[in-house]
Amino acid sequence: MEIAKAAHLNRTATLADVGNVACFVASDKAGAITDATVNISAGAIVDY
């Protein structure tokens, strides 16, 4: 896949990755996070 080659981690995010992030953001461990966007593109999209 071209997207995987372009990503910093050389892979694309899996459904498990998305689920793990969703569980974290919904958990008490993320209680101090407000108004944030979580990038789970495996480095294909770089935010600054």
N, C-alpha and C. Protein backbone atom coordinates (compact mmCIF):
# COMPACT_ATOMS: atom_id res chain seq x y z
N MET A 1 0.83 -1.19 0.00
CA MET A 1 0.00 0.00 0.00
C MET A 1 0.87 1.25 0.00
N GLU A 2 0.53 2.21 -0.79
CA GLU A 2 1.28 3.46 -0.86
C GLU A 2 1.15 4.27 0.43
N ILE A 3 -0.01 4.23 1.06
CA ILE A 3 -0.20 4.98 2.30
C ILE A 3 0.72 4.44 3.38
N ALA A 4 0.83 3.12 3.49
CA ALA A 4 1.68 2.51 4.50
C ALA A 4 3.14 2.89 4.27
N LYS A 5 3.58 2.94 3.04
CA LYS A 5 4.96 3.31 2.73
C LYS A 5 5.24 4.75 3.10
N ALA A 6 4.25 5.62 2.98
CA ALA A 6 4.43 7.04 3.27
C ALA A 6 4.36 7.34 4.77
N ALA A 7 3.74 6.46 5.54
CA ALA A 7 3.57 6.69 6.98
C ALA A 7 4.89 6.50 7.72
N HIS A 8 5.09 7.26 8.77
CA HIS A 8 6.31 7.17 9.57
C HIS A 8 6.50 5.80 10.19
N LEU A 9 5.42 5.13 10.52
CA LEU A 9 5.51 3.79 11.13
C LEU A 9 5.48 2.68 10.09
N ASN A 10 5.43 3.05 8.81
CA ASN A 10 5.39 2.08 7.71
C ASN A 10 4.22 1.10 7.80
N ARG A 11 3.12 1.60 8.30
CA ARG A 11 1.89 0.80 8.37
C ARG A 11 0.72 1.73 8.48
N THR A 12 -0.47 1.20 8.34
CA THR A 12 -1.67 2.00 8.54
C THR A 12 -2.29 1.61 9.88
N ALA A 13 -3.13 2.48 10.39
CA ALA A 13 -3.81 2.19 11.65
C ALA A 13 -4.82 1.07 11.44
N THR A 14 -4.91 0.18 12.39
CA THR A 14 -5.87 -0.92 12.34
C THR A 14 -7.12 -0.55 13.11
N LEU A 15 -8.15 -1.36 12.95
CA LEU A 15 -9.36 -1.13 13.75
C LEU A 15 -9.06 -1.29 15.23
N ALA A 16 -8.13 -2.17 15.57
CA ALA A 16 -7.73 -2.32 16.97
C ALA A 16 -7.07 -1.05 17.48
N ASP A 17 -6.24 -0.40 16.66
CA ASP A 17 -5.63 0.87 17.04
C ASP A 17 -6.71 1.90 17.33
N VAL A 18 -7.68 2.00 16.46
CA VAL A 18 -8.77 2.97 16.63
C VAL A 18 -9.54 2.66 17.91
N GLY A 19 -9.84 1.40 18.13
CA GLY A 19 -10.56 0.99 19.34
C GLY A 19 -9.78 1.29 20.60
N ASN A 20 -8.47 1.03 20.57
CA ASN A 20 -7.63 1.30 21.75
C ASN A 20 -7.59 2.79 22.08
N VAL A 21 -7.49 3.61 21.05
CA VAL A 21 -7.48 5.06 21.28
C VAL A 21 -8.83 5.52 21.82
N ALA A 22 -9.91 5.01 21.25
CA ALA A 22 -11.24 5.38 21.72
C ALA A 22 -11.43 4.98 23.19
N CYS A 23 -10.98 3.80 23.54
CA CYS A 23 -11.09 3.36 24.94
C CYS A 23 -10.27 4.24 25.87
N PHE A 24 -9.06 4.61 25.44
CA PHE A 24 -8.23 5.48 26.26
C PHE A 24 -8.88 6.84 26.45
N VAL A 25 -9.33 7.45 25.36
CA VAL A 25 -9.91 8.79 25.44
C VAL A 25 -11.17 8.79 26.30
N ALA A 26 -11.91 7.69 26.29
CA ALA A 26 -13.13 7.60 27.09
C ALA A 26 -12.86 7.20 28.55
N SER A 27 -11.61 6.86 28.85
CA SER A 27 -11.30 6.37 30.19
C SER A 27 -10.93 7.50 31.15
N ASP A 28 -10.86 7.16 32.43
CA ASP A 28 -10.44 8.11 33.46
C ASP A 28 -8.98 8.53 33.27
N LYS A 29 -8.18 7.70 32.59
CA LYS A 29 -6.77 8.03 32.36
C LYS A 29 -6.61 9.26 31.48
N ALA A 30 -7.62 9.59 30.71
CA ALA A 30 -7.58 10.77 29.84
C ALA A 30 -8.41 11.91 30.43
N GLY A 31 -8.63 11.87 31.72
CA GLY A 31 -9.50 12.83 32.37
C GLY A 31 -9.07 14.29 32.27
N ALA A 32 -7.79 14.53 32.02
CA ALA A 32 -7.30 15.91 31.92
C ALA A 32 -7.29 16.41 30.48
N ILE A 33 -7.62 15.56 29.53
CA ILE A 33 -7.62 15.96 28.12
C ILE A 33 -8.94 16.66 27.81
N THR A 34 -8.85 17.85 27.24
CA THR A 34 -10.03 18.58 26.81
C THR A 34 -9.82 19.12 25.41
N ASP A 35 -10.85 19.10 24.60
CA ASP A 35 -10.84 19.69 23.28
C ASP A 35 -9.59 19.33 22.48
N ALA A 36 -9.37 18.04 22.24
CA ALA A 36 -8.18 17.58 21.53
C ALA A 36 -8.56 16.70 20.35
N THR A 37 -7.71 16.71 19.36
CA THR A 37 -7.83 15.80 18.23
C THR A 37 -6.72 14.78 18.36
N VAL A 38 -7.06 13.51 18.28
CA VAL A 38 -6.07 12.45 18.39
C VAL A 38 -5.76 11.94 16.99
N ASN A 39 -4.51 12.02 16.61
CA ASN A 39 -4.06 11.59 15.29
C ASN A 39 -3.63 10.13 15.37
N ILE A 40 -4.37 9.25 14.72
CA ILE A 40 -4.02 7.83 14.71
C ILE A 40 -3.74 7.38 13.28
N SER A 41 -3.00 8.21 12.55
CA SER A 41 -2.71 7.91 11.15
C SER A 41 -1.40 7.14 10.97
N ALA A 42 -0.76 6.73 12.06
CA ALA A 42 0.52 6.02 12.02
C ALA A 42 1.61 6.87 11.38
N GLY A 43 1.41 8.17 11.41
CA GLY A 43 2.39 9.08 10.86
C GLY A 43 2.18 9.45 9.41
N ALA A 44 1.09 9.00 8.80
CA ALA A 44 0.79 9.36 7.41
C ALA A 44 0.38 10.81 7.31
N ILE A 45 -0.24 11.32 8.37
CA ILE A 45 -0.62 12.73 8.45
C ILE A 45 0.12 13.33 9.64
N VAL A 46 0.96 14.29 9.38
CA VAL A 46 1.77 14.88 10.45
C VAL A 46 1.15 16.20 10.87
N ASP A 47 0.86 16.32 12.17
CA ASP A 47 0.29 17.55 12.73
C ASP A 47 1.42 18.35 13.38
N TYR A 48 1.29 19.63 13.34
CA TYR A 48 2.24 20.50 14.03
C TYR A 48 1.51 21.51 14.83
